[in-house]
C-alpha atoms as a PDB file:
ATOM      1  CA  UNK A   1      -8.484  60.859  37.837  1.00  0.00           C
ATOM      2  CA  UNK A   2     -11.612  61.293  35.738  1.00  0.00           C
ATOM      3  CA  UNK A   3     -11.425  60.646  31.993  1.00  0.00           C
ATOM      4  CA  UNK A   4      -7.681  61.245  32.034  1.00  0.00           C
ATOM      5  CA  UNK A   5      -7.921  64.508  34.009  1.00  0.00           C
ATOM      6  CA  UNK A   6      -6.493  65.225  37.429  1.00  0.00           C
ATOM      7  CA  UNK A   7      -8.698  66.448  40.282  1.00  0.00           C
ATOM      8  CA  UNK A   8      -8.394  70.174  39.556  1.00  0.00           C
ATOM      9  CA  UNK A   9      -8.532  69.663  35.791  1.00  0.00           C
ATOM     10  CA  UNK A  10     -11.686  67.551  36.085  1.00  0.00           C
ATOM     11  CA  UNK A  11     -13.297  70.070  38.450  1.00  0.00           C
ATOM     12  CA  UNK A  12     -12.682  73.019  36.103  1.00  0.00           C
ATOM     13  CA  UNK A  13     -13.718  71.085  33.010  1.00  0.00           C
ATOM     14  CA  UNK A  14     -16.914  69.834  34.626  1.00  0.00           C
ATOM     15  CA  UNK A  15     -17.796  73.374  35.728  1.00  0.00           C
ATOM     16  CA  UNK A  16     -17.811  74.666  32.146  1.00  0.00           C
ATOM     17  CA  UNK A  17     -21.330  75.346  30.819  1.00  0.00           C
ATOM     18  CA  UNK A  18     -23.051  73.044  28.353  1.00  0.00           C
ATOM     19  CA  UNK A  19     -24.503  75.092  25.541  1.00  0.00           C
ATOM     20  CA  UNK A  20     -27.728  74.425  23.683  1.00  0.00           C
ATOM     21  CA  UNK A  21     -28.549  75.311  20.106  1.00  0.00           C
ATOM     22  CA  UNK A  22     -30.014  78.609  21.264  1.00  0.00           C
ATOM     23  CA  UNK A  23     -26.767  79.506  23.049  1.00  0.00           C
ATOM     24  CA  UNK A  24     -24.611  79.153  19.952  1.00  0.00           C
ATOM     25  CA  UNK A  25     -25.703  82.354  18.241  1.00  0.00           C
ATOM     26  CA  UNK A  26     -23.675  83.017  15.110  1.00  0.00           C
ATOM     27  CA  UNK A  27     -21.016  80.443  15.952  1.00  0.00           C
ATOM     28  CA  UNK A  28     -21.161  77.700  13.355  1.00  0.00           C
ATOM     29  CA  UNK A  29     -18.218  75.381  13.922  1.00  0.00           C
ATOM     30  CA  UNK A  30     -15.532  74.497  16.444  1.00  0.00           C
ATOM     31  CA  UNK A  31     -12.298  76.432  15.758  1.00  0.00           C
ATOM     32  CA  UNK A  32     -10.249  73.347  16.650  1.00  0.00           C
ATOM     33  CA  UNK A  33     -11.849  70.465  14.732  1.00  0.00           C
ATOM     34  CA  UNK A  34     -13.892  72.673  12.345  1.00  0.00           C
ATOM     35  CA  UNK A  35     -16.970  70.456  12.822  1.00  0.00           C
ATOM     36  CA  UNK A  36     -20.322  72.214  12.791  1.00  0.00           C
ATOM     37  CA  UNK A  37     -21.758  72.728  16.249  1.00  0.00           C
ATOM     38  CA  UNK A  38     -25.133  71.458  15.054  1.00  0.00           C
ATOM     39  CA  UNK A  39     -23.576  68.132  14.062  1.00  0.00           C
ATOM     40  CA  UNK A  40     -21.838  67.901  17.427  1.00  0.00           C
ATOM     41  CA  UNK A  41     -25.094  68.477  19.274  1.00  0.00           C
ATOM     42  CA  UNK A  42     -26.854  65.867  17.129  1.00  0.00           C
ATOM     43  CA  UNK A  43     -24.180  63.321  18.037  1.00  0.00           C
ATOM     44  CA  UNK A  44     -24.443  64.226  21.714  1.00  0.00           C
ATOM     45  CA  UNK A  45     -28.203  63.778  21.779  1.00  0.00           C
ATOM     46  CA  UNK A  46     -27.915  60.423  20.002  1.00  0.00           C
ATOM     47  CA  UNK A  47     -25.369  59.188  22.566  1.00  0.00           C
ATOM     48  CA  UNK A  48     -27.520  60.274  25.485  1.00  0.00           C
ATOM     49  CA  UNK A  49     -30.466  58.370  24.068  1.00  0.00           C
ATOM     50  CA  UNK A  50     -28.438  55.214  23.431  1.00  0.00           C
ATOM     51  CA  UNK A  51     -26.728  55.158  26.834  1.00  0.00           C
ATOM     52  CA  UNK A  52     -29.743  56.322  28.801  1.00  0.00           C
ATOM     53  CA  UNK A  53     -27.546  58.464  31.001  1.00  0.00           C
ATOM     54  CA  UNK A  54     -27.126  62.114  30.238  1.00  0.00           C
ATOM     55  CA  UNK A  55     -24.271  62.802  32.635  1.00  0.00           C
ATOM     56  CA  UNK A  56     -22.013  59.995  31.400  1.00  0.00           C
ATOM     57  CA  UNK A  57     -22.590  60.753  27.752  1.00  0.00           C
ATOM     58  CA  UNK A  58     -22.255  64.504  27.989  1.00  0.00           C
ATOM     59  CA  UNK A  59     -19.139  64.775  30.156  1.00  0.00           C
ATOM     60  CA  UNK A  60     -16.843  65.005  27.139  1.00  0.00           C
ATOM     61  CA  UNK A  61     -19.533  65.597  24.527  1.00  0.00           C
ATOM     62  CA  UNK A  62     -21.447  68.674  23.518  1.00  0.00           C
ATOM     63  CA  UNK A  63     -20.412  72.325  23.192  1.00  0.00           C
ATOM     64  CA  UNK A  64     -19.002  74.607  25.888  1.00  0.00           C
ATOM     65  CA  UNK A  65     -17.776  78.155  26.426  1.00  0.00           C
ATOM     66  CA  UNK A  66     -14.763  79.397  28.363  1.00  0.00           C
ATOM     67  CA  UNK A  67     -15.530  81.856  31.136  1.00  0.00           C
ATOM     68  CA  UNK A  68     -13.656  85.127  30.879  1.00  0.00           C
ATOM     69  CA  UNK A  69     -13.019  85.226  27.120  1.00  0.00           C
ATOM     70  CA  UNK A  70     -16.271  83.652  25.882  1.00  0.00           C
ATOM     71  CA  UNK A  71     -14.729  81.518  23.099  1.00  0.00           C
ATOM     72  CA  UNK A  72     -16.790  78.443  22.236  1.00  0.00           C
ATOM     73  CA  UNK A  73     -15.407  74.972  21.554  1.00  0.00           C
ATOM     74  CA  UNK A  74     -16.639  71.423  21.432  1.00  0.00           C
ATOM     75  CA  UNK A  75     -16.115  69.744  24.790  1.00  0.00           C
ATOM     76  CA  UNK A  76     -14.192  66.808  23.342  1.00  0.00           C
ATOM     77  CA  UNK A  77     -11.456  69.001  21.829  1.00  0.00           C
ATOM     78  CA  UNK A  78     -11.211  71.130  24.955  1.00  0.00           C
ATOM     79  CA  UNK A  79     -10.943  67.963  27.052  1.00  0.00           C
ATOM     80  CA  UNK A  80      -7.889  66.862  25.077  1.00  0.00           C
ATOM     81  CA  UNK A  81      -6.466  70.395  25.327  1.00  0.00           C
ATOM     82  CA  UNK A  82      -6.653  70.358  29.123  1.00  0.00           C
ATOM     83  CA  UNK A  83      -5.464  66.749  29.362  1.00  0.00           C
ATOM     84  CA  UNK A  84      -2.216  67.743  27.641  1.00  0.00           C
ATOM     85  CA  UNK A  85      -1.548  70.322  30.388  1.00  0.00           C
ATOM     86  CA  UNK A  86      -2.909  73.424  28.671  1.00  0.00           C
ATOM     87  CA  UNK A  87      -4.772  75.886  30.875  1.00  0.00           C
ATOM     88  CA  UNK A  88      -5.234  78.771  28.436  1.00  0.00           C
ATOM     89  CA  UNK A  89      -7.748  79.450  25.699  1.00  0.00           C
ATOM     90  CA  UNK A  90      -6.687  77.876  22.375  1.00  0.00           C
ATOM     91  CA  UNK A  91      -7.759  81.062  20.586  1.00  0.00           C
ATOM     92  CA  UNK A  92      -6.696  84.026  22.744  1.00  0.00           C
ATOM     93  CA  UNK A  93      -4.483  82.347  25.393  1.00  0.00           C
ATOM     94  CA  UNK A  94      -6.657  83.612  28.223  1.00  0.00           C
ATOM     95  CA  UNK A  95      -5.822  81.541  31.309  1.00  0.00           C
ATOM     96  CA  UNK A  96      -8.810  79.671  32.725  1.00  0.00           C
ATOM     97  CA  UNK A  97      -6.895  76.943  34.584  1.00  0.00           C
ATOM     98  CA  UNK A  98      -3.682  77.131  36.565  1.00  0.00           C
ATOM     99  CA  UNK A  99      -1.472  74.245  35.444  1.00  0.00           C
ATOM    100  CA  UNK A 100       1.174  73.061  37.876  1.00  0.00           C
ATOM    101  CA  UNK A 101       4.365  72.325  35.985  1.00  0.00           C
ATOM    102  CA  UNK A 102       5.986  69.131  37.242  1.00  0.00           C
ATOM    103  CA  UNK A 103       9.718  68.954  36.594  1.00  0.00           C
ATOM    104  CA  UNK A 104      11.181  65.621  35.660  1.00  0.00           C
ATOM    105  CA  UNK A 105      14.187  64.024  37.361  1.00  0.00           C
ATOM    106  CA  UNK A 106      16.576  65.149  34.657  1.00  0.00           C
ATOM    107  CA  UNK A 107      15.843  68.869  34.899  1.00  0.00           C
ATOM    108  CA  UNK A 108      15.057  69.135  38.644  1.00  0.00           C
ATOM    109  CA  UNK A 109      18.570  68.395  39.892  1.00  0.00           C
ATOM    110  CA  UNK A 110      20.251  70.312  37.096  1.00  0.00           C
ATOM    111  CA  UNK A 111      22.523  67.403  36.341  1.00  0.00           C
ATOM    112  CA  UNK A 112      22.899  64.920  33.593  1.00  0.00           C
ATOM    113  CA  UNK A 113      20.812  61.783  33.598  1.00  0.00           C
ATOM    114  CA  UNK A 114      22.666  58.853  35.123  1.00  0.00           C
ATOM    115  CA  UNK A 115      21.338  55.292  35.028  1.00  0.00           C
ATOM    116  CA  UNK A 116      20.879  53.439  38.291  1.00  0.00           C
ATOM    117  CA  UNK A 117      23.150  50.652  39.428  1.00  0.00           C
ATOM    118  CA  UNK A 118      20.549  48.111  38.398  1.00  0.00           C
ATOM    119  CA  UNK A 119      20.583  49.419  34.859  1.00  0.00           C
ATOM    120  CA  UNK A 120      21.989  46.875  32.507  1.00  0.00           C
ATOM    121  CA  UNK A 121      23.320  47.933  29.184  1.00  0.00           C
ATOM    122  CA  UNK A 122      23.554  45.243  26.624  1.00  0.00           C
ATOM    123  CA  UNK A 123      24.733  45.627  23.124  1.00  0.00           C
ATOM    124  CA  UNK A 124      24.287  42.988  20.525  1.00  0.00           C
ATOM    125  CA  UNK A 125      26.581  43.009  17.566  1.00  0.00           C
ATOM    126  CA  UNK A 126      25.832  40.713  14.697  1.00  0.00           C
ATOM    127  CA  UNK A 127      28.708  39.873  12.445  1.00  0.00           C
ATOM    128  CA  UNK A 128      27.872  38.317   9.130  1.00  0.00           C
ATOM    129  CA  UNK A 129      31.118  37.028   7.697  1.00  0.00           C
ATOM    130  CA  UNK A 130      31.106  34.991   4.551  1.00  0.00           C
ATOM    131  CA  UNK A 131      34.346  33.048   4.937  1.00  0.00           C
ATOM    132  CA  UNK A 132      33.734  30.743   2.007  1.00  0.00           C
ATOM    133  CA  UNK A 133      33.149  33.330  -0.669  1.00  0.00           C
ATOM    134  CA  UNK A 134      36.838  34.203  -1.118  1.00  0.00           C
ATOM    135  CA  UNK A 135      37.922  30.560  -1.268  1.00  0.00           C
ATOM    136  CA  UNK A 136      35.284  29.744  -3.826  1.00  0.00           C
ATOM    137  CA  UNK A 137      36.265  32.746  -5.863  1.00  0.00           C
ATOM    138  CA  UNK A 138      39.927  31.669  -5.817  1.00  0.00           C
ATOM    139  CA  UNK A 139      39.042  28.162  -6.974  1.00  0.00           C
ATOM    140  CA  UNK A 140      37.020  29.520  -9.822  1.00  0.00           C
ATOM    141  CA  UNK A 141      39.865  31.626 -11.185  1.00  0.00           C
ATOM    142  CA  UNK A 142      40.977  30.214 -14.531  1.00  0.00           C
ATOM    143  CA  UNK A 143      44.232  31.736 -15.661  1.00  0.00           C
ATOM    144  CA  UNK A 144      44.578  31.539 -19.402  1.00  0.00           C
ATOM    145  CA  UNK A 145      47.702  32.456 -21.270  1.00  0.00           C
ATOM    146  CA  UNK A 146      47.094  33.713 -24.753  1.00  0.00           C
ATOM    147  CA  UNK A 147      48.558  31.500 -27.425  1.00  0.00           C
ATOM    148  CA  UNK A 148      49.314  32.111 -31.024  1.00  0.00           C
ATOM    149  CA  UNK A 149      47.842  30.114 -33.853  1.00  0.00           C
ATOM    150  CA  UNK A 150      50.734  27.570 -33.807  1.00  0.00           C
ATOM    151  CA  UNK A 151      50.261  26.818 -30.093  1.00  0.00           C
ATOM    152  CA  UNK A 152      53.091  28.904 -28.611  1.00  0.00           C
ATOM    153  CA  UNK A 153      52.483  31.297 -25.765  1.00  0.00           C
ATOM    154  CA  UNK A 154      52.720  34.834 -27.006  1.00  0.00           C
ATOM    155  CA  UNK A 155      52.411  36.760 -23.733  1.00  0.00           C
ATOM    156  CA  UNK A 156      55.585  38.714 -22.875  1.00  0.00           C
ATOM    157  CA  UNK A 157      57.413  37.699 -26.055  1.00  0.00           C
ATOM    158  CA  UNK A 158      58.607  40.037 -28.796  1.00  0.00           C
ATOM    159  CA  UNK A 159      56.330  40.447 -31.771  1.00  0.00           C
ATOM    160  CA  UNK A 160      58.952  38.915 -34.136  1.00  0.00           C
ATOM    161  CA  UNK A 161      59.825  36.021 -31.824  1.00  0.00           C
ATOM    162  CA  UNK A 162      58.005  33.413 -33.871  1.00  0.00           C
ATOM    163  CA  UNK A 163      59.634  34.545 -37.133  1.00  0.00           C
ATOM    164  CA  UNK A 164      63.072  34.471 -35.518  1.00  0.00           C
ATOM    165  CA  UNK A 165      62.374  31.016 -34.119  1.00  0.00           C
ATOM    166  CA  UNK A 166      61.735  29.649 -37.599  1.00  0.00           C
ATOM    167  CA  UNK A 167      65.011  30.928 -39.107  1.00  0.00           C
ATOM    168  CA  UNK A 168      67.132  30.365 -35.960  1.00  0.00           C
ATOM    169  CA  UNK A 169      67.975  34.021 -35.444  1.00  0.00           C
ATOM    170  CA  UNK A 170      66.573  33.996 -31.928  1.00  0.00           C
ATOM    171  CA  UNK A 171      69.604  31.895 -30.875  1.00  0.00           C
ATOM    172  CA  UNK A 172      72.136  34.274 -32.460  1.00  0.00           C
ATOM    173  CA  UNK A 173      74.316  35.778 -29.726  1.00  0.00           C
ATOM    174  CA  UNK A 174      76.505  37.833 -32.087  1.00  0.00           C
ATOM    175  CA  UNK A 175      79.203  35.183 -32.731  1.00  0.00           C
ATOM    176  CA  UNK A 176      79.828  33.866 -36.220  1.00  0.00           C
ATOM    177  CA  UNK A 177      80.827  30.317 -37.069  1.00  0.00           C
ATOM    178  CA  UNK A 178      84.304  31.562 -38.178  1.00  0.00           C
ATOM    179  CA  UNK A 179      84.909  33.267 -34.812  1.00  0.00           C
ATOM    180  CA  UNK A 180      83.914  30.160 -32.895  1.00  0.00           C
ATOM    181  CA  UNK A 181      86.271  27.914 -34.952  1.00  0.00           C
ATOM    182  CA  UNK A 182      89.235  30.291 -34.439  1.00  0.00           C
ATOM    183  CA  UNK A 183      88.739  30.416 -30.666  1.00  0.00           C
ATOM    184  CA  UNK A 184      88.456  26.666 -30.475  1.00  0.00           C
ATOM    185  CA  UNK A 185      91.723  26.244 -32.437  1.00  0.00           C
ATOM    186  CA  UNK A 186      93.649  28.688 -30.238  1.00  0.00           C
ATOM    187  CA  UNK A 187      92.420  26.958 -27.119  1.00  0.00           C
ATOM    188  CA  UNK A 188      93.697  23.576 -28.317  1.00  0.00           C
ATOM    189  CA  UNK A 189      97.198  24.985 -29.060  1.00  0.00           C
ATOM    190  CA  UNK A 190      97.455  26.532 -25.593  1.00  0.00           C
ATOM    191  CA  UNK A 191      96.618  23.220 -23.972  1.00  0.00           C
ATOM    192  CA  UNK A 192      99.288  21.365 -26.034  1.00  0.00           C
ATOM    193  CA  UNK A 193     102.101  23.891 -25.291  1.00  0.00           C
ATOM    194  CA  UNK A 194     101.448  24.385 -21.625  1.00  0.00           C
ATOM    195  CA  UNK A 195     100.348  20.920 -20.686  1.00  0.00           C
ATOM    196  CA  UNK A 196     103.702  19.727 -19.367  1.00  0.00           C
ATOM    197  CA  UNK A 197     104.685  23.084 -17.867  1.00  0.00           C
ATOM    198  CA  UNK A 198     101.703  22.995 -15.662  1.00  0.00           C
ATOM    199  CA  UNK A 199     102.604  19.635 -14.137  1.00  0.00           C
ATOM    200  CA  UNK A 200     103.887  19.810 -10.568  1.00  0.00           C
ATOM    201  CA  UNK A 201     106.543  17.644  -8.861  1.00  0.00           C
ATOM    202  CA  UNK A 202     110.344  16.961  -9.142  1.00  0.00           C
ATOM    203  CA  UNK A 203     111.941  16.293 -12.520  1.00  0.00           C
ATOM    204  CA  UNK A 204     112.975  12.678 -13.311  1.00  0.00           C
ATOM    205  CA  UNK A 205     116.685  12.022 -13.999  1.00  0.00           C
ATOM    206  CA  UNK A 206     117.935   9.865 -16.873  1.00  0.00           C
ATOM    207  CA  UNK A 207     118.518   6.803 -14.670  1.00  0.00           C
ATOM    208  CA  UNK A 208     114.985   6.849 -13.376  1.00  0.00           C
ATOM    209  CA  UNK A 209     113.702   7.221 -16.873  1.00  0.00           C
ATOM    210  CA  UNK A 210     115.626   4.192 -18.128  1.00  0.00           C
ATOM    211  CA  UNK A 211     114.273   2.157 -15.256  1.00  0.00           C
END
């Protein structure tokens, strides 16, 4: 392989003519890189002088022309074009080099790619769990119950609870003092009348009483 080209690619590329300034005619710049041909030739001549070897310096430098269509390019751009498996003219697609298409393993057998037995598949899963954040948040919770100005909790209580607490009406279950006294009196009378009737056991005769 020469300068990244296979045997046939290198042979065809090396057989392309090397143009001089007189061969350029009206062509001013490379249609690929758009650099003036005169500048390309100046760079080529400077490299040849510095290296002292014309063949090494000019293999991928200078200006060339494709046989068959006659389109002119700089040799460096055409070298890259051939190296990437292109065998036709970049301008008119005229074929100047037969490129052998090499099928890869995936498309040649028509099947799906399968890894070999030696293929190891590893998967790394990183879990970043902050287990202390919830506990710290729970400890920092400060539950405050709203209180009124006199210090009593007011949450969930009626709006008039404090006023009723002051006058005792919050303890009023609907019974008046007169009703409570009457019930208490009736309960005492029932206990006096039925106290002996509720006692169990045989009645005592007069003799046993005198004893």
